[in-house]
Amino acid sequence: MKENQVNAEHSDDLKLAILTAQLCQDKLAENVFIMGLKNIESAPTDYFVICSCDSAPQVDSICDLITNTTSTYKLQKPHIEGRESLEWVLLDYFDVVVHIMLKEVRELYKLEKLWGDAEFYTVNDDADLLPLKFDEILRIFD
């Protein structure tokens, strides 16, 4: 990913969400979505980034890439949970929380359904946010 790919017009927290989503895609994660939660009063953060992985080593690799890249950019160090089991690793950057999940764990918890009022996006290689409809999100659980 190129350093200048993140669109300058976005807020810093959205830029971080886009960056982490692109890093997930760089490591071949599937169904990478950004969930905008700013308009949900009870939301614990502004953005979730969520992705599915095929294996624990892939979860670990994505976690390493994100933490190393954000460290290189001198961004805050995230609070990390789940690193021991590598089934569901959560990287909490306060305004952005990244969920790196094994496919079967993601299918079990269905965070997208829990936060169905969120705004859903994916990103392309140019860091463009592409809106998704909720029914497009639900296809991953079929």
N, C-alpha and C. Protein backbone atom coordinates (compact mmCIF):
# COMPACT_ATOMS: atom_id res chain seq x y z
N MET A 1 0.83 -1.18 0.00
CA MET A 1 0.00 0.00 0.00
C MET A 1 0.88 1.24 0.00
N LYS A 2 0.51 2.21 -0.77
CA LYS A 2 1.29 3.44 -0.85
C LYS A 2 0.88 4.40 0.26
N GLU A 3 1.85 5.12 0.75
CA GLU A 3 1.63 6.03 1.87
C GLU A 3 0.58 7.08 1.56
N ASN A 4 0.49 7.53 0.33
CA ASN A 4 -0.43 8.62 -0.01
C ASN A 4 -1.81 8.11 -0.44
N GLN A 5 -2.07 6.83 -0.30
CA GLN A 5 -3.35 6.31 -0.77
C GLN A 5 -4.54 6.76 0.06
N VAL A 6 -4.35 7.02 1.34
CA VAL A 6 -5.46 7.39 2.18
C VAL A 6 -5.86 8.83 1.87
N ASN A 7 -7.09 9.00 1.51
CA ASN A 7 -7.63 10.27 1.06
C ASN A 7 -7.50 11.34 2.15
N ALA A 8 -6.92 12.46 1.81
CA ALA A 8 -6.64 13.53 2.77
C ALA A 8 -7.91 14.17 3.33
N GLU A 9 -9.04 14.03 2.68
CA GLU A 9 -10.25 14.69 3.15
C GLU A 9 -10.92 13.95 4.30
N HIS A 10 -10.50 12.76 4.61
CA HIS A 10 -11.11 11.98 5.69
C HIS A 10 -10.53 12.38 7.05
N SER A 11 -11.33 12.16 8.09
CA SER A 11 -10.85 12.40 9.46
C SER A 11 -9.75 11.40 9.79
N ASP A 12 -8.98 11.70 10.82
CA ASP A 12 -7.88 10.81 11.20
C ASP A 12 -8.35 9.41 11.57
N ASP A 13 -9.48 9.34 12.29
CA ASP A 13 -9.97 8.01 12.67
C ASP A 13 -10.45 7.22 11.45
N LEU A 14 -11.05 7.88 10.49
CA LEU A 14 -11.46 7.17 9.28
C LEU A 14 -10.24 6.77 8.45
N LYS A 15 -9.23 7.62 8.42
CA LYS A 15 -7.99 7.25 7.72
C LYS A 15 -7.38 5.99 8.33
N LEU A 16 -7.40 5.90 9.67
CA LEU A 16 -6.88 4.72 10.34
C LEU A 16 -7.73 3.49 9.99
N ALA A 17 -9.03 3.65 9.95
CA ALA A 17 -9.90 2.53 9.57
C ALA A 17 -9.60 2.07 8.14
N ILE A 18 -9.44 3.01 7.24
CA ILE A 18 -9.12 2.67 5.84
C ILE A 18 -7.76 1.98 5.75
N LEU A 19 -6.77 2.53 6.45
CA LEU A 19 -5.44 1.93 6.45
C LEU A 19 -5.48 0.49 6.95
N THR A 20 -6.13 0.27 8.08
CA THR A 20 -6.16 -1.09 8.63
C THR A 20 -6.95 -2.04 7.74
N ALA A 21 -8.01 -1.55 7.12
CA ALA A 21 -8.77 -2.40 6.18
C ALA A 21 -7.90 -2.80 4.99
N GLN A 22 -7.14 -1.84 4.47
CA GLN A 22 -6.25 -2.16 3.35
C GLN A 22 -5.16 -3.14 3.76
N LEU A 23 -4.65 -3.02 4.96
CA LEU A 23 -3.64 -3.95 5.43
C LEU A 23 -4.21 -5.36 5.58
N CYS A 24 -5.45 -5.46 6.02
CA CYS A 24 -6.12 -6.77 6.07
C CYS A 24 -6.21 -7.36 4.67
N GLN A 25 -6.60 -6.54 3.71
CA GLN A 25 -6.71 -7.01 2.33
C GLN A 25 -5.34 -7.41 1.78
N ASP A 26 -4.29 -6.68 2.15
CA ASP A 26 -2.94 -7.00 1.69
C ASP A 26 -2.52 -8.41 2.11
N LYS A 27 -3.04 -8.86 3.25
CA LYS A 27 -2.72 -10.21 3.76
C LYS A 27 -3.83 -11.22 3.41
N LEU A 28 -4.64 -10.86 2.41
CA LEU A 28 -5.65 -11.75 1.84
C LEU A 28 -6.77 -12.13 2.79
N ALA A 29 -7.08 -11.27 3.73
CA ALA A 29 -8.27 -11.48 4.56
C ALA A 29 -9.50 -11.37 3.66
N GLU A 30 -10.57 -12.00 4.07
CA GLU A 30 -11.81 -11.97 3.29
C GLU A 30 -12.87 -11.14 3.98
N ASN A 31 -13.81 -10.67 3.18
CA ASN A 31 -14.95 -9.90 3.70
C ASN A 31 -14.50 -8.81 4.67
N VAL A 32 -13.63 -7.96 4.17
CA VAL A 32 -13.10 -6.85 4.98
C VAL A 32 -14.09 -5.68 4.87
N PHE A 33 -14.65 -5.30 6.00
CA PHE A 33 -15.63 -4.23 6.03
C PHE A 33 -15.23 -3.19 7.06
N ILE A 34 -15.59 -1.96 6.79
CA ILE A 34 -15.53 -0.89 7.77
C ILE A 34 -16.97 -0.61 8.18
N MET A 35 -17.20 -0.58 9.48
CA MET A 35 -18.53 -0.29 10.01
C MET A 35 -18.47 1.08 10.68
N GLY A 36 -19.21 2.03 10.12
CA GLY A 36 -19.29 3.36 10.71
C GLY A 36 -20.32 3.37 11.82
N LEU A 37 -19.87 3.64 13.04
CA LEU A 37 -20.75 3.58 14.22
C LEU A 37 -21.00 4.95 14.84
N LYS A 38 -20.49 6.01 14.23
CA LYS A 38 -20.58 7.36 14.82
C LYS A 38 -22.01 7.79 15.12
N ASN A 39 -22.96 7.36 14.32
CA ASN A 39 -24.35 7.79 14.49
C ASN A 39 -25.15 6.87 15.40
N ILE A 40 -24.49 5.93 16.05
CA ILE A 40 -25.16 5.03 16.99
C ILE A 40 -24.76 5.45 18.39
N GLU A 41 -25.73 5.92 19.14
CA GLU A 41 -25.46 6.52 20.45
C GLU A 41 -24.74 5.57 21.41
N SER A 42 -25.08 4.32 21.41
CA SER A 42 -24.50 3.36 22.37
C SER A 42 -23.22 2.70 21.87
N ALA A 43 -22.72 3.10 20.71
CA ALA A 43 -21.54 2.45 20.13
C ALA A 43 -20.29 2.72 20.98
N PRO A 44 -19.44 1.71 21.11
CA PRO A 44 -18.23 1.87 21.93
C PRO A 44 -17.08 2.57 21.22
N THR A 45 -17.22 2.82 19.94
CA THR A 45 -16.15 3.42 19.14
C THR A 45 -16.77 4.06 17.90
N ASP A 46 -15.96 4.74 17.11
CA ASP A 46 -16.46 5.36 15.88
C ASP A 46 -16.49 4.39 14.69
N TYR A 47 -15.49 3.49 14.65
CA TYR A 47 -15.39 2.55 13.52
C TYR A 47 -14.94 1.17 13.98
N PHE A 48 -15.57 0.17 13.41
CA PHE A 48 -15.07 -1.20 13.47
C PHE A 48 -14.49 -1.51 12.11
N VAL A 49 -13.38 -2.20 12.08
CA VAL A 49 -12.88 -2.84 10.87
C VAL A 49 -12.93 -4.31 11.19
N ILE A 50 -13.49 -5.10 10.31
CA ILE A 50 -13.69 -6.51 10.58
C ILE A 50 -13.27 -7.32 9.36
N CYS A 51 -12.63 -8.45 9.61
CA CYS A 51 -12.21 -9.31 8.51
C CYS A 51 -12.21 -10.77 8.94
N SER A 52 -12.25 -11.65 7.96
CA SER A 52 -12.21 -13.10 8.19
C SER A 52 -10.89 -13.66 7.71
N CYS A 53 -10.40 -14.65 8.47
CA CYS A 53 -9.14 -15.32 8.14
C CYS A 53 -9.37 -16.83 8.09
N ASP A 54 -8.53 -17.50 7.32
CA ASP A 54 -8.61 -18.95 7.17
C ASP A 54 -7.88 -19.71 8.26
N SER A 55 -6.91 -19.07 8.93
CA SER A 55 -6.08 -19.80 9.88
C SER A 55 -5.53 -18.87 10.96
N ALA A 56 -5.10 -19.47 12.06
CA ALA A 56 -4.48 -18.70 13.14
C ALA A 56 -3.21 -17.99 12.67
N PRO A 57 -2.34 -18.64 11.85
CA PRO A 57 -1.18 -17.90 11.36
C PRO A 57 -1.55 -16.66 10.53
N GLN A 58 -2.63 -16.71 9.79
CA GLN A 58 -3.07 -15.55 9.03
C GLN A 58 -3.54 -14.44 9.98
N VAL A 59 -4.27 -14.82 11.02
CA VAL A 59 -4.70 -13.84 12.03
C VAL A 59 -3.48 -13.16 12.63
N ASP A 60 -2.48 -13.96 13.01
CA ASP A 60 -1.25 -13.45 13.61
C ASP A 60 -0.50 -12.53 12.65
N SER A 61 -0.42 -12.92 11.39
CA SER A 61 0.28 -12.13 10.39
C SER A 61 -0.39 -10.77 10.18
N ILE A 62 -1.70 -10.75 10.12
CA ILE A 62 -2.44 -9.49 9.94
C ILE A 62 -2.25 -8.61 11.17
N CYS A 63 -2.33 -9.20 12.33
CA CYS A 63 -2.11 -8.44 13.57
C CYS A 63 -0.73 -7.81 13.57
N ASP A 64 0.28 -8.59 13.22
CA ASP A 64 1.65 -8.05 13.16
C ASP A 64 1.77 -6.92 12.15
N LEU A 65 1.20 -7.11 10.96
CA LEU A 65 1.31 -6.09 9.92
C LEU A 65 0.66 -4.78 10.37
N ILE A 66 -0.51 -4.86 10.96
CA ILE A 66 -1.21 -3.65 11.39
C ILE A 66 -0.44 -2.96 12.51
N THR A 67 -0.02 -3.70 13.52
CA THR A 67 0.66 -3.06 14.65
C THR A 67 2.02 -2.50 14.22
N ASN A 68 2.72 -3.21 13.36
CA ASN A 68 4.02 -2.70 12.87
C ASN A 68 3.84 -1.46 12.00
N THR A 69 2.84 -1.48 11.13
CA THR A 69 2.60 -0.33 10.24
C THR A 69 2.17 0.89 11.04
N THR A 70 1.25 0.72 11.97
CA THR A 70 0.80 1.88 12.75
C THR A 70 1.92 2.40 13.64
N SER A 71 2.79 1.51 14.10
CA SER A 71 3.96 1.94 14.87
C SER A 71 4.91 2.75 13.99
N THR A 72 5.11 2.30 12.75
CA THR A 72 5.97 3.02 11.80
C THR A 72 5.45 4.44 11.56
N TYR A 73 4.12 4.57 11.50
CA TYR A 73 3.51 5.89 11.30
C TYR A 73 3.40 6.67 12.61
N LYS A 74 3.96 6.11 13.69
CA LYS A 74 3.98 6.75 15.01
C LYS A 74 2.57 7.00 15.54
N LEU A 75 1.65 6.08 15.23
CA LEU A 75 0.30 6.15 15.77
C LEU A 75 0.28 5.48 17.14
N GLN A 76 -0.77 5.74 17.87
CA GLN A 76 -0.88 5.17 19.22
C GLN A 76 -0.81 3.65 19.17
N LYS A 77 -0.26 3.08 20.20
CA LYS A 77 -0.17 1.63 20.32
C LYS A 77 -1.55 1.11 20.74
N PRO A 78 -2.06 0.08 20.07
CA PRO A 78 -3.41 -0.39 20.42
C PRO A 78 -3.40 -1.27 21.67
N HIS A 79 -4.54 -1.32 22.32
CA HIS A 79 -4.78 -2.33 23.34
C HIS A 79 -5.14 -3.60 22.56
N ILE A 80 -4.50 -4.70 22.88
CA ILE A 80 -4.70 -5.94 22.11
C ILE A 80 -5.32 -7.00 23.01
N GLU A 81 -6.36 -7.66 22.50
CA GLU A 81 -6.97 -8.79 23.19
C GLU A 81 -7.05 -9.96 22.23
N GLY A 82 -6.93 -11.17 22.76
CA GLY A 82 -7.11 -12.38 21.98
C GLY A 82 -5.86 -12.87 21.27
N ARG A 83 -4.74 -12.27 21.53
CA ARG A 83 -3.50 -12.64 20.82
C ARG A 83 -3.05 -14.05 21.17
N GLU A 84 -3.43 -14.52 22.35
CA GLU A 84 -3.01 -15.85 22.79
C GLU A 84 -3.66 -16.96 21.96
N SER A 85 -4.95 -16.83 21.72
CA SER A 85 -5.69 -17.90 21.02
C SER A 85 -5.69 -17.75 19.51
N LEU A 86 -5.55 -16.52 19.01
CA LEU A 86 -5.54 -16.21 17.58
C LEU A 86 -6.82 -16.67 16.87
N GLU A 87 -7.93 -16.68 17.60
CA GLU A 87 -9.22 -16.96 16.98
C GLU A 87 -9.96 -15.66 16.65
N TRP A 88 -9.81 -14.69 17.56
CA TRP A 88 -10.43 -13.38 17.40
C TRP A 88 -9.50 -12.39 18.10
N VAL A 89 -8.74 -11.67 17.33
CA VAL A 89 -7.84 -10.66 17.88
C VAL A 89 -8.49 -9.30 17.69
N LEU A 90 -8.49 -8.55 18.77
CA LEU A 90 -9.07 -7.22 18.76
C LEU A 90 -7.94 -6.22 18.98
N LEU A 91 -7.80 -5.29 18.05
CA LEU A 91 -6.84 -4.19 18.16
C LEU A 91 -7.64 -2.92 18.41
N ASP A 92 -7.52 -2.40 19.62
CA ASP A 92 -8.33 -1.25 20.02
C ASP A 92 -7.49 0.02 19.97
N TYR A 93 -7.76 0.85 18.97
CA TYR A 93 -7.11 2.14 18.81
C TYR A 93 -7.99 3.27 19.35
N PHE A 94 -8.96 2.95 20.16
CA PHE A 94 -9.93 3.83 20.79
C PHE A 94 -11.04 4.25 19.83
N ASP A 95 -10.74 5.06 18.82
CA ASP A 95 -11.78 5.47 17.86
C ASP A 95 -11.98 4.45 16.75
N VAL A 96 -11.04 3.53 16.62
CA VAL A 96 -11.11 2.45 15.62
C VAL A 96 -10.77 1.15 16.34
N VAL A 97 -11.64 0.16 16.17
CA VAL A 97 -11.38 -1.16 16.74
C VAL A 97 -11.37 -2.16 15.59
N VAL A 98 -10.26 -2.89 15.47
CA VAL A 98 -10.08 -3.86 14.39
C VAL A 98 -10.34 -5.25 14.95
N HIS A 99 -11.23 -5.97 14.27
CA HIS A 99 -11.57 -7.35 14.65
C HIS A 99 -11.01 -8.27 13.57
N ILE A 100 -10.02 -9.07 13.94
CA ILE A 100 -9.40 -10.02 13.02
C ILE A 100 -9.85 -11.40 13.49
N MET A 101 -10.71 -12.06 12.71
CA MET A 101 -11.40 -13.24 13.19
C MET A 101 -11.24 -14.43 12.25
N LEU A 102 -11.16 -15.62 12.85
CA LEU A 102 -11.29 -16.83 12.04
C LEU A 102 -12.70 -16.86 11.48
N LYS A 103 -12.87 -17.43 10.30
CA LYS A 103 -14.19 -17.44 9.65
C LYS A 103 -15.27 -18.02 10.55
N GLU A 104 -14.97 -19.16 11.19
CA GLU A 104 -15.99 -19.81 12.00
C GLU A 104 -16.36 -18.99 13.23
N VAL A 105 -15.44 -18.23 13.77
CA VAL A 105 -15.73 -17.37 14.91
C VAL A 105 -16.60 -16.20 14.45
N ARG A 106 -16.28 -15.65 13.31
CA ARG A 106 -17.08 -14.54 12.78
C ARG A 106 -18.50 -14.98 12.49
N GLU A 107 -18.65 -16.17 11.94
CA GLU A 107 -19.99 -16.69 11.66
C GLU A 107 -20.77 -16.95 12.94
N LEU A 108 -20.08 -17.31 14.00
CA LEU A 108 -20.74 -17.57 15.28
C LEU A 108 -21.26 -16.28 15.91
N TYR A 109 -20.43 -15.24 15.94
CA TYR A 109 -20.79 -14.00 16.65
C TYR A 109 -21.54 -12.99 15.81
N LYS A 110 -21.37 -13.00 14.51
CA LYS A 110 -22.14 -12.14 13.60
C LYS A 110 -22.24 -10.68 14.09
N LEU A 111 -21.08 -10.05 14.26
CA LEU A 111 -21.06 -8.66 14.72
C LEU A 111 -21.84 -7.74 13.80
N GLU A 112 -21.84 -8.05 12.52
CA GLU A 112 -22.56 -7.20 11.57
C GLU A 112 -24.05 -7.16 11.88
N LYS A 113 -24.61 -8.28 12.32
CA LYS A 113 -26.03 -8.30 12.68
C LYS A 113 -26.27 -7.55 13.97
N LEU A 114 -25.34 -7.68 14.91
CA LEU A 114 -25.47 -6.99 16.19
C LEU A 114 -25.46 -5.47 15.99
N TRP A 115 -24.63 -5.00 15.05
CA TRP A 115 -24.52 -3.58 14.77
C TRP A 115 -25.14 -3.26 13.40
N GLY A 116 -26.30 -3.80 13.14
CA GLY A 116 -26.97 -3.65 11.85
C GLY A 116 -27.33 -2.22 11.48
N ASP A 117 -27.35 -1.31 12.45
CA ASP A 117 -27.65 0.10 12.17
C ASP A 117 -26.42 0.87 11.70
N ALA A 118 -25.28 0.21 11.65
CA ALA A 118 -24.04 0.86 11.23
C ALA A 118 -24.08 1.20 9.74
N GLU A 119 -23.18 2.06 9.34
CA GLU A 119 -22.93 2.30 7.91
C GLU A 119 -21.82 1.34 7.52
N PHE A 120 -22.00 0.63 6.42
CA PHE A 120 -21.05 -0.39 6.00
C PHE A 120 -20.31 0.05 4.74
N TYR A 121 -18.99 -0.20 4.75
CA TYR A 121 -18.15 0.16 3.62
C TYR A 121 -17.11 -0.94 3.37
N THR A 122 -16.61 -0.93 2.17
CA THR A 122 -15.39 -1.63 1.85
C THR A 122 -14.47 -0.60 1.22
N VAL A 123 -13.22 -0.96 1.03
CA VAL A 123 -12.27 -0.04 0.41
C VAL A 123 -11.58 -0.71 -0.76
N ASN A 124 -11.27 0.11 -1.76
CA ASN A 124 -10.51 -0.42 -2.90
C ASN A 124 -9.04 -0.06 -2.73
N ASP A 125 -8.24 -0.41 -3.72
CA ASP A 125 -6.79 -0.16 -3.64
C ASP A 125 -6.42 1.32 -3.62
N ASP A 126 -7.34 2.18 -4.05
CA ASP A 126 -7.09 3.62 -4.04
C ASP A 126 -7.60 4.30 -2.78
N ALA A 127 -7.99 3.49 -1.78
CA ALA A 127 -8.50 3.99 -0.50
C ALA A 127 -9.84 4.70 -0.64
N ASP A 128 -10.59 4.36 -1.67
CA ASP A 128 -11.93 4.90 -1.82
C ASP A 128 -12.89 4.08 -0.96
N LEU A 129 -13.75 4.77 -0.22
CA LEU A 129 -14.78 4.09 0.55
C LEU A 129 -15.93 3.74 -0.38
N LEU A 130 -16.32 2.49 -0.39
CA LEU A 130 -17.41 2.04 -1.23
C LEU A 130 -18.54 1.57 -0.32
N PRO A 131 -19.68 2.29 -0.33
CA PRO A 131 -20.78 1.92 0.55
C PRO A 131 -21.36 0.55 0.19
N LEU A 132 -21.79 -0.16 1.22
CA LEU A 132 -22.44 -1.46 1.04
C LEU A 132 -23.79 -1.41 1.72
N LYS A 133 -24.74 -2.14 1.16
CA LYS A 133 -26.06 -2.27 1.78
C LYS A 133 -26.01 -3.44 2.76
N PHE A 134 -26.86 -3.36 3.77
CA PHE A 134 -26.86 -4.38 4.82
C PHE A 134 -27.09 -5.77 4.25
N ASP A 135 -27.97 -5.91 3.26
CA ASP A 135 -28.22 -7.24 2.69
C ASP A 135 -26.98 -7.79 1.97
N GLU A 136 -26.11 -6.91 1.47
CA GLU A 136 -24.84 -7.37 0.86
C GLU A 136 -23.91 -7.93 1.93
N ILE A 137 -23.98 -7.35 3.13
CA ILE A 137 -23.16 -7.82 4.25
C ILE A 137 -23.63 -9.20 4.69
N LEU A 138 -24.91 -9.39 4.76
CA LEU A 138 -25.46 -10.65 5.28
C LEU A 138 -25.13 -11.86 4.42
N ARG A 139 -24.74 -11.64 3.16
CA ARG A 139 -24.42 -12.76 2.28
C ARG A 139 -23.27 -13.61 2.79
N ILE A 140 -22.40 -13.03 3.61
CA ILE A 140 -21.26 -13.80 4.11
C ILE A 140 -21.71 -14.88 5.09
N PHE A 141 -22.92 -14.77 5.62
CA PHE A 141 -23.41 -15.76 6.58
C PHE A 141 -24.29 -16.82 5.94
N ASP A 142 -24.46 -16.75 4.63
CA ASP A 142 -25.30 -17.75 3.93
C ASP A 142 -24.54 -19.04 3.70
